[in-house]
Amino acid sequence: MSRTNLFIVLGLVALIAVGGIAYFMMDSGPSEIATRSEEGYEILPSDRTLGNPKAKVVLIEYAAHSCPACASFNERTFPQLKANYIDTGKIFYVFRLFPLRADDGAAEKIARCLPEDKYFTFVDLLFRNHPKWNVEYGVQSPEGVRAGLVQLGRIAGMSEAQVEQCMVNTAEDDRINKVATDAARYNVTGTPTFILNGVSLGSGAMAYDTMAKRLDEELAKK
């Protein structure tokens, strides 16, 4: 999925969502992780991560919360990736937002308001409830998007007032924009895009077998 403009929410942005509770709980990795710029990539203190921070293979995913291809990867590939490579300590996984529209920024702000170990659960909730909040599924009005996001935030345990506060938090805008701008080093133009030990694997919802082959090849070099 291509992104046409680099932009993030400056002020109140409309979002939405309702829906089933996340199918699995995921624990974020430590927030303070060493930079590995000599390897062609960096792990930022603000990154949301899973797995073994000392793993020699690092997979970075640039994704957008409203991206249907990202939601497909989350549903079809990620559970196996997590079970076979992340939970086993073989790789270190990093998730970064590459916004396609302002709604992605608002959704990210809500996710960042939650405790760090709830971040991925909320992202999963966003992906699984696209028809409830995503403009690509017919939710056109800003009010509809906002109402859906508030509903998702409440499912995650926040009050409506807390969700509203999160969405208008402009302090997050600079961080979100910087992450998206820095993605240019990998020529990221669409989502999801995967970076394996500093090398882009390209864009698109990669099938598990394809992803596993690339990971195994990289692991064999270490």
C-alpha atoms as a PDB file:
ATOM      1  CA  MET A   1       0.000   0.000   0.000  1.00  0.00           C
ATOM      2  CA  SER A   2       1.514   3.311  -1.056  1.00  0.00           C
ATOM      3  CA  ARG A   3       1.634   6.438   1.002  1.00  0.00           C
ATOM      4  CA  THR A   4       1.191   9.733  -0.763  1.00  0.00           C
ATOM      5  CA  ASN A   5       2.112  12.258   1.886  1.00  0.00           C
ATOM      6  CA  LEU A   6       4.218  12.317   4.997  1.00  0.00           C
ATOM      7  CA  PHE A   7       1.928  13.697   7.628  1.00  0.00           C
ATOM      8  CA  ILE A   8       0.902  13.131  11.201  1.00  0.00           C
ATOM      9  CA  VAL A   9      -1.863  14.395  13.355  1.00  0.00           C
ATOM     10  CA  LEU A  10      -1.510  17.949  14.515  1.00  0.00           C
ATOM     11  CA  GLY A  11      -4.508  18.337  16.743  1.00  0.00           C
ATOM     12  CA  LEU A  12      -7.627  16.233  16.946  1.00  0.00           C
ATOM     13  CA  VAL A  13      -7.844  13.561  14.315  1.00  0.00           C
ATOM     14  CA  ALA A  14     -10.773  11.347  13.678  1.00  0.00           C
ATOM     15  CA  LEU A  15     -10.542   7.623  14.268  1.00  0.00           C
ATOM     16  CA  ILE A  16     -12.531   4.713  15.211  1.00  0.00           C
ATOM     17  CA  ALA A  17     -12.856   1.086  15.953  1.00  0.00           C
ATOM     18  CA  VAL A  18     -14.673  -1.484  17.893  1.00  0.00           C
ATOM     19  CA  GLY A  19     -14.218  -5.055  18.111  1.00  0.00           C
ATOM     20  CA  GLY A  20     -12.891  -8.273  19.361  1.00  0.00           C
ATOM     21  CA  ILE A  21     -10.287  -8.373  21.998  1.00  0.00           C
ATOM     22  CA  ALA A  22      -6.787  -9.160  20.845  1.00  0.00           C
ATOM     23  CA  TYR A  23      -6.159 -12.817  20.266  1.00  0.00           C
ATOM     24  CA  PHE A  24      -2.877 -12.876  22.085  1.00  0.00           C
ATOM     25  CA  MET A  25      -0.883 -10.875  24.585  1.00  0.00           C
ATOM     26  CA  MET A  26       2.548  -9.750  23.533  1.00  0.00           C
ATOM     27  CA  ASP A  27       5.317  -8.458  25.764  1.00  0.00           C
ATOM     28  CA  SER A  28       7.380  -5.558  24.558  1.00  0.00           C
ATOM     29  CA  GLY A  29      11.117  -5.787  24.769  1.00  0.00           C
ATOM     30  CA  PRO A  30      13.172  -3.447  26.914  1.00  0.00           C
ATOM     31  CA  SER A  31      12.927   0.206  25.987  1.00  0.00           C
ATOM     32  CA  GLU A  32      16.671   0.834  26.342  1.00  0.00           C
ATOM     33  CA  ILE A  33      18.522  -1.161  23.701  1.00  0.00           C
ATOM     34  CA  ALA A  34      21.972  -0.644  22.268  1.00  0.00           C
ATOM     35  CA  THR A  35      22.337   1.082  18.921  1.00  0.00           C
ATOM     36  CA  ARG A  36      23.776  -1.098  16.164  1.00  0.00           C
ATOM     37  CA  SER A  37      24.530   1.518  13.551  1.00  0.00           C
ATOM     38  CA  GLU A  38      27.582  -0.419  12.414  1.00  0.00           C
ATOM     39  CA  GLU A  39      25.197  -3.152  11.233  1.00  0.00           C
ATOM     40  CA  GLY A  40      23.220  -0.742   9.050  1.00  0.00           C
ATOM     41  CA  TYR A  41      20.342  -0.156  11.423  1.00  0.00           C
ATOM     42  CA  GLU A  42      19.613   1.460  14.748  1.00  0.00           C
ATOM     43  CA  ILE A  43      17.331   0.430  17.592  1.00  0.00           C
ATOM     44  CA  LEU A  44      15.786   3.491  19.183  1.00  0.00           C
ATOM     45  CA  PRO A  45      14.834   3.813  22.867  1.00  0.00           C
ATOM     46  CA  SER A  46      11.310   4.728  21.713  1.00  0.00           C
ATOM     47  CA  ASP A  47      10.898   1.626  19.509  1.00  0.00           C
ATOM     48  CA  ARG A  48       8.299  -0.955  20.427  1.00  0.00           C
ATOM     49  CA  THR A  49       9.962  -4.348  20.289  1.00  0.00           C
ATOM     50  CA  LEU A  50       9.539  -8.061  20.922  1.00  0.00           C
ATOM     51  CA  GLY A  51      11.982 -10.905  21.423  1.00  0.00           C
ATOM     52  CA  ASN A  52      15.640 -11.177  22.301  1.00  0.00           C
ATOM     53  CA  PRO A  53      17.455  -7.801  22.165  1.00  0.00           C
ATOM     54  CA  LYS A  54      20.762  -9.680  21.908  1.00  0.00           C
ATOM     55  CA  ALA A  55      19.679 -11.676  18.858  1.00  0.00           C
ATOM     56  CA  LYS A  56      22.000 -11.336  15.863  1.00  0.00           C
ATOM     57  CA  VAL A  57      19.067 -11.056  13.465  1.00  0.00           C
ATOM     58  CA  VAL A  58      16.877  -7.952  13.685  1.00  0.00           C
ATOM     59  CA  LEU A  59      13.644  -7.569  11.723  1.00  0.00           C
ATOM     60  CA  ILE A  60      12.131  -4.093  11.510  1.00  0.00           C
ATOM     61  CA  GLU A  61       8.593  -3.716  10.199  1.00  0.00           C
ATOM     62  CA  TYR A  62       7.357  -0.345   8.975  1.00  0.00           C
ATOM     63  CA  ALA A  63       3.578  -0.480   9.070  1.00  0.00           C
ATOM     64  CA  ALA A  64       0.487   1.715   9.227  1.00  0.00           C
ATOM     65  CA  HIS A  65      -2.417   0.955  11.520  1.00  0.00           C
ATOM     66  CA  SER A  66      -4.916   1.613   8.703  1.00  0.00           C
ATOM     67  CA  CYS A  67      -3.054  -0.495   6.131  1.00  0.00           C
ATOM     68  CA  PRO A  68      -5.078  -3.555   4.950  1.00  0.00           C
ATOM     69  CA  ALA A  69      -1.911  -5.374   3.828  1.00  0.00           C
ATOM     70  CA  CYS A  70      -0.432  -4.845   7.296  1.00  0.00           C
ATOM     71  CA  ALA A  71      -3.579  -6.259   8.856  1.00  0.00           C
ATOM     72  CA  SER A  72      -3.299  -9.283   6.554  1.00  0.00           C
ATOM     73  CA  PHE A  73       0.314  -9.860   7.600  1.00  0.00           C
ATOM     74  CA  ASN A  74      -0.706  -9.495  11.246  1.00  0.00           C
ATOM     75  CA  GLU A  75      -3.385 -12.147  10.863  1.00  0.00           C
ATOM     76  CA  ARG A  76      -1.799 -14.652   8.487  1.00  0.00           C
ATOM     77  CA  THR A  77       1.952 -14.469   9.046  1.00  0.00           C
ATOM     78  CA  PHE A  78       2.774 -12.803  12.322  1.00  0.00           C
ATOM     79  CA  PRO A  79       1.451 -15.515  14.711  1.00  0.00           C
ATOM     80  CA  GLN A  80       3.829 -18.089  13.197  1.00  0.00           C
ATOM     81  CA  LEU A  81       6.657 -15.575  13.019  1.00  0.00           C
ATOM     82  CA  LYS A  82       6.199 -14.797  16.690  1.00  0.00           C
ATOM     83  CA  ALA A  83       5.964 -18.426  17.783  1.00  0.00           C
ATOM     84  CA  ASN A  84       8.887 -19.741  15.736  1.00  0.00           C
ATOM     85  CA  TYR A  85      11.359 -16.866  15.649  1.00  0.00           C
ATOM     86  CA  ILE A  86      10.507 -14.160  18.189  1.00  0.00           C
ATOM     87  CA  ASP A  87       9.419 -16.196  21.209  1.00  0.00           C
ATOM     88  CA  THR A  88      12.293 -18.630  20.656  1.00  0.00           C
ATOM     89  CA  GLY A  89      14.844 -15.818  20.856  1.00  0.00           C
ATOM     90  CA  LYS A  90      16.121 -16.267  17.309  1.00  0.00           C
ATOM     91  CA  ILE A  91      15.291 -12.739  16.188  1.00  0.00           C
ATOM     92  CA  PHE A  92      14.602  -9.307  17.595  1.00  0.00           C
ATOM     93  CA  TYR A  93      11.456  -7.693  16.153  1.00  0.00           C
ATOM     94  CA  VAL A  94      10.923  -3.935  15.896  1.00  0.00           C
ATOM     95  CA  PHE A  95       7.608  -2.308  14.916  1.00  0.00           C
ATOM     96  CA  ARG A  96       7.603   1.245  13.558  1.00  0.00           C
ATOM     97  CA  LEU A  97       4.726   3.376  12.359  1.00  0.00           C
ATOM     98  CA  PHE A  98       4.925   4.677   8.805  1.00  0.00           C
ATOM     99  CA  PRO A  99       1.697   6.722   8.595  1.00  0.00           C
ATOM    100  CA  LEU A 100      -0.433   6.723   5.484  1.00  0.00           C
ATOM    101  CA  ARG A 101      -2.904   9.274   6.834  1.00  0.00           C
ATOM    102  CA  ALA A 102      -3.583  11.361   9.915  1.00  0.00           C
ATOM    103  CA  ASP A 103      -5.750   8.595  11.375  1.00  0.00           C
ATOM    104  CA  ASP A 104      -2.660   6.435  11.773  1.00  0.00           C
ATOM    105  CA  GLY A 105      -1.047   9.093  13.933  1.00  0.00           C
ATOM    106  CA  ALA A 106      -4.098   9.347  16.177  1.00  0.00           C
ATOM    107  CA  ALA A 107      -4.260   5.571  16.583  1.00  0.00           C
ATOM    108  CA  GLU A 108      -0.551   5.470  17.411  1.00  0.00           C
ATOM    109  CA  LYS A 109      -1.009   8.137  20.074  1.00  0.00           C
ATOM    110  CA  ILE A 110      -3.634   6.026  21.811  1.00  0.00           C
ATOM    111  CA  ALA A 111      -1.402   2.952  21.642  1.00  0.00           C
ATOM    112  CA  ARG A 112       1.478   4.942  23.132  1.00  0.00           C
ATOM    113  CA  CYS A 113      -0.699   6.091  26.038  1.00  0.00           C
ATOM    114  CA  LEU A 114      -1.154   2.494  27.152  1.00  0.00           C
ATOM    115  CA  PRO A 115       1.440   0.657  29.260  1.00  0.00           C
ATOM    116  CA  GLU A 116       4.280  -0.478  27.000  1.00  0.00           C
ATOM    117  CA  ASP A 117       3.404  -4.156  27.448  1.00  0.00           C
ATOM    118  CA  LYS A 118      -0.100  -3.457  26.078  1.00  0.00           C
ATOM    119  CA  TYR A 119       1.081  -1.718  22.916  1.00  0.00           C
ATOM    120  CA  PHE A 120       1.035  -4.727  20.583  1.00  0.00           C
ATOM    121  CA  THR A 121      -2.280  -5.949  21.941  1.00  0.00           C
ATOM    122  CA  PHE A 122      -3.832  -2.638  20.979  1.00  0.00           C
ATOM    123  CA  VAL A 123      -2.191  -2.645  17.546  1.00  0.00           C
ATOM    124  CA  ASP A 124      -3.670  -6.092  16.979  1.00  0.00           C
ATOM    125  CA  LEU A 125      -7.060  -4.729  18.025  1.00  0.00           C
ATOM    126  CA  LEU A 126      -6.736  -1.907  15.498  1.00  0.00           C
ATOM    127  CA  PHE A 127      -5.838  -4.303  12.685  1.00  0.00           C
ATOM    128  CA  ARG A 128      -8.664  -6.711  13.461  1.00  0.00           C
ATOM    129  CA  ASN A 129     -11.286  -3.983  13.519  1.00  0.00           C
ATOM    130  CA  HIS A 130     -10.599  -2.051  10.339  1.00  0.00           C
ATOM    131  CA  PRO A 131     -14.281  -2.118   9.263  1.00  0.00           C
ATOM    132  CA  LYS A 132     -15.140  -0.239  12.436  1.00  0.00           C
ATOM    133  CA  TRP A 133     -12.750   2.698  12.022  1.00  0.00           C
ATOM    134  CA  ASN A 134     -10.835   2.600   8.749  1.00  0.00           C
ATOM    135  CA  VAL A 135     -11.841   4.999   5.963  1.00  0.00           C
ATOM    136  CA  GLU A 136     -10.898   2.309   3.444  1.00  0.00           C
ATOM    137  CA  TYR A 137     -13.777   0.262   4.811  1.00  0.00           C
ATOM    138  CA  GLY A 138     -16.353   3.011   4.450  1.00  0.00           C
ATOM    139  CA  VAL A 139     -15.962   4.963   7.684  1.00  0.00           C
ATOM    140  CA  GLN A 140     -15.803   8.376   6.078  1.00  0.00           C
ATOM    141  CA  SER A 141     -16.661  10.992   8.679  1.00  0.00           C
ATOM    142  CA  PRO A 142     -14.099  12.275  11.169  1.00  0.00           C
ATOM    143  CA  GLU A 143     -16.725  11.785  13.846  1.00  0.00           C
ATOM    144  CA  GLY A 144     -17.088   8.132  12.911  1.00  0.00           C
ATOM    145  CA  VAL A 145     -13.364   7.520  13.006  1.00  0.00           C
ATOM    146  CA  ARG A 146     -13.022   9.289  16.335  1.00  0.00           C
ATOM    147  CA  ALA A 147     -15.939   7.370  17.844  1.00  0.00           C
ATOM    148  CA  GLY A 148     -14.416   4.075  16.784  1.00  0.00           C
ATOM    149  CA  LEU A 149     -11.026   4.921  18.261  1.00  0.00           C
ATOM    150  CA  VAL A 150     -12.640   5.974  21.497  1.00  0.00           C
ATOM    151  CA  GLN A 151     -14.462   2.666  21.614  1.00  0.00           C
ATOM    152  CA  LEU A 152     -11.251   0.736  21.040  1.00  0.00           C
ATOM    153  CA  GLY A 153      -9.507   2.754  23.694  1.00  0.00           C
ATOM    154  CA  ARG A 154     -12.247   1.882  26.145  1.00  0.00           C
ATOM    155  CA  ILE A 155     -11.896  -1.812  25.289  1.00  0.00           C
ATOM    156  CA  ALA A 156      -8.216  -1.377  26.185  1.00  0.00           C
ATOM    157  CA  GLY A 157      -9.200   0.039  29.577  1.00  0.00           C
ATOM    158  CA  MET A 158      -9.086   3.791  29.021  1.00  0.00           C
ATOM    159  CA  SER A 159     -11.850   6.305  29.615  1.00  0.00           C
ATOM    160  CA  GLU A 160     -13.231   8.428  26.795  1.00  0.00           C
ATOM    161  CA  ALA A 161     -11.553  11.486  28.296  1.00  0.00           C
ATOM    162  CA  GLN A 162      -8.207   9.690  28.407  1.00  0.00           C
ATOM    163  CA  VAL A 163      -8.482   8.637  24.765  1.00  0.00           C
ATOM    164  CA  GLU A 164      -9.337  12.203  23.758  1.00  0.00           C
ATOM    165  CA  GLN A 165      -6.327  13.506  25.673  1.00  0.00           C
ATOM    166  CA  CYS A 166      -4.069  11.034  23.935  1.00  0.00           C
ATOM    167  CA  MET A 167      -5.272  11.967  20.460  1.00  0.00           C
ATOM    168  CA  VAL A 168      -4.611  15.676  20.967  1.00  0.00           C
ATOM    169  CA  ASN A 169      -1.146  15.139  22.448  1.00  0.00           C
ATOM    170  CA  THR A 170       1.019  17.100  20.023  1.00  0.00           C
ATOM    171  CA  ALA A 171       4.197  16.081  21.874  1.00  0.00           C
ATOM    172  CA  GLU A 172       4.032  12.724  20.046  1.00  0.00           C
ATOM    173  CA  ASP A 173       3.807  14.314  16.616  1.00  0.00           C
ATOM    174  CA  ASP A 174       7.500  15.130  16.295  1.00  0.00           C
ATOM    175  CA  ARG A 175       8.526  11.594  17.236  1.00  0.00           C
ATOM    176  CA  ILE A 176       6.077  10.016  14.793  1.00  0.00           C
ATOM    177  CA  ASN A 177       7.150  12.309  11.971  1.00  0.00           C
ATOM    178  CA  LYS A 178      10.841  11.718  12.658  1.00  0.00           C
ATOM    179  CA  VAL A 179      10.444   7.929  12.543  1.00  0.00           C
ATOM    180  CA  ALA A 180       8.600   8.225   9.230  1.00  0.00           C
ATOM    181  CA  THR A 181      11.188  10.616   7.805  1.00  0.00           C
ATOM    182  CA  ASP A 182      14.076   8.399   8.900  1.00  0.00           C
ATOM    183  CA  ALA A 183      12.497   5.510   6.987  1.00  0.00           C
ATOM    184  CA  ALA A 184      13.834   7.162   3.832  1.00  0.00           C
ATOM    185  CA  ARG A 185      17.219   5.588   4.587  1.00  0.00           C
ATOM    186  CA  TYR A 186      15.610   2.268   3.613  1.00  0.00           C
ATOM    187  CA  ASN A 187      13.615   3.760   0.707  1.00  0.00           C
ATOM    188  CA  VAL A 188      10.343   2.936   2.449  1.00  0.00           C
ATOM    189  CA  THR A 189       7.427   4.088   0.298  1.00  0.00           C
ATOM    190  CA  GLY A 190       4.684   1.652   1.282  1.00  0.00           C
ATOM    191  CA  THR A 191       3.512  -0.634   4.048  1.00  0.00           C
ATOM    192  CA  PRO A 192       4.326  -3.101   5.323  1.00  0.00           C
ATOM    193  CA  THR A 193       8.035  -2.849   4.515  1.00  0.00           C
ATOM    194  CA  PHE A 194      10.492  -5.205   6.207  1.00  0.00           C
ATOM    195  CA  ILE A 195      14.130  -4.435   6.998  1.00  0.00           C
ATOM    196  CA  LEU A 196      16.279  -7.471   7.780  1.00  0.00           C
ATOM    197  CA  ASN A 197      19.577  -6.587   9.462  1.00  0.00           C
ATOM    198  CA  GLY A 198      19.569  -3.231   7.727  1.00  0.00           C
ATOM    199  CA  VAL A 199      18.562  -4.502   4.266  1.00  0.00           C
ATOM    200  CA  SER A 200      15.098  -3.934   2.826  1.00  0.00           C
ATOM    201  CA  LEU A 201      13.090  -7.018   1.847  1.00  0.00           C
ATOM    202  CA  GLY A 202      10.609  -4.836   0.007  1.00  0.00           C
ATOM    203  CA  SER A 203       6.993  -3.927   0.588  1.00  0.00           C
ATOM    204  CA  GLY A 204       3.917  -6.149   0.846  1.00  0.00           C
ATOM    205  CA  ALA A 205       2.276  -8.681   3.150  1.00  0.00           C
ATOM    206  CA  MET A 206       4.966 -11.349   2.955  1.00  0.00           C
ATOM    207  CA  ALA A 207       3.806 -14.952   3.307  1.00  0.00           C
ATOM    208  CA  TYR A 208       5.171 -16.915   6.250  1.00  0.00           C
ATOM    209  CA  ASP A 209       7.138 -19.422   4.144  1.00  0.00           C
ATOM    210  CA  THR A 210       8.863 -16.594   2.270  1.00  0.00           C
ATOM    211  CA  MET A 211       9.646 -14.731   5.473  1.00  0.00           C
ATOM    212  CA  ALA A 212      10.927 -17.874   7.205  1.00  0.00           C
ATOM    213  CA  LYS A 213      13.251 -18.644   4.290  1.00  0.00           C
ATOM    214  CA  ARG A 214      14.796 -15.175   4.428  1.00  0.00           C
ATOM    215  CA  LEU A 215      15.195 -15.358   8.212  1.00  0.00           C
ATOM    216  CA  ASP A 216      16.781 -18.813   8.060  1.00  0.00           C
ATOM    217  CA  GLU A 217      19.238 -17.619   5.432  1.00  0.00           C
ATOM    218  CA  GLU A 218      20.222 -14.684   7.619  1.00  0.00           C
ATOM    219  CA  LEU A 219      20.496 -16.841  10.735  1.00  0.00           C
ATOM    220  CA  ALA A 220      22.778 -19.258   8.881  1.00  0.00           C
ATOM    221  CA  LYS A 221      25.275 -16.433   8.306  1.00  0.00           C
ATOM    222  CA  LYS A 222      25.614 -15.737  12.041  1.00  0.00           C
END
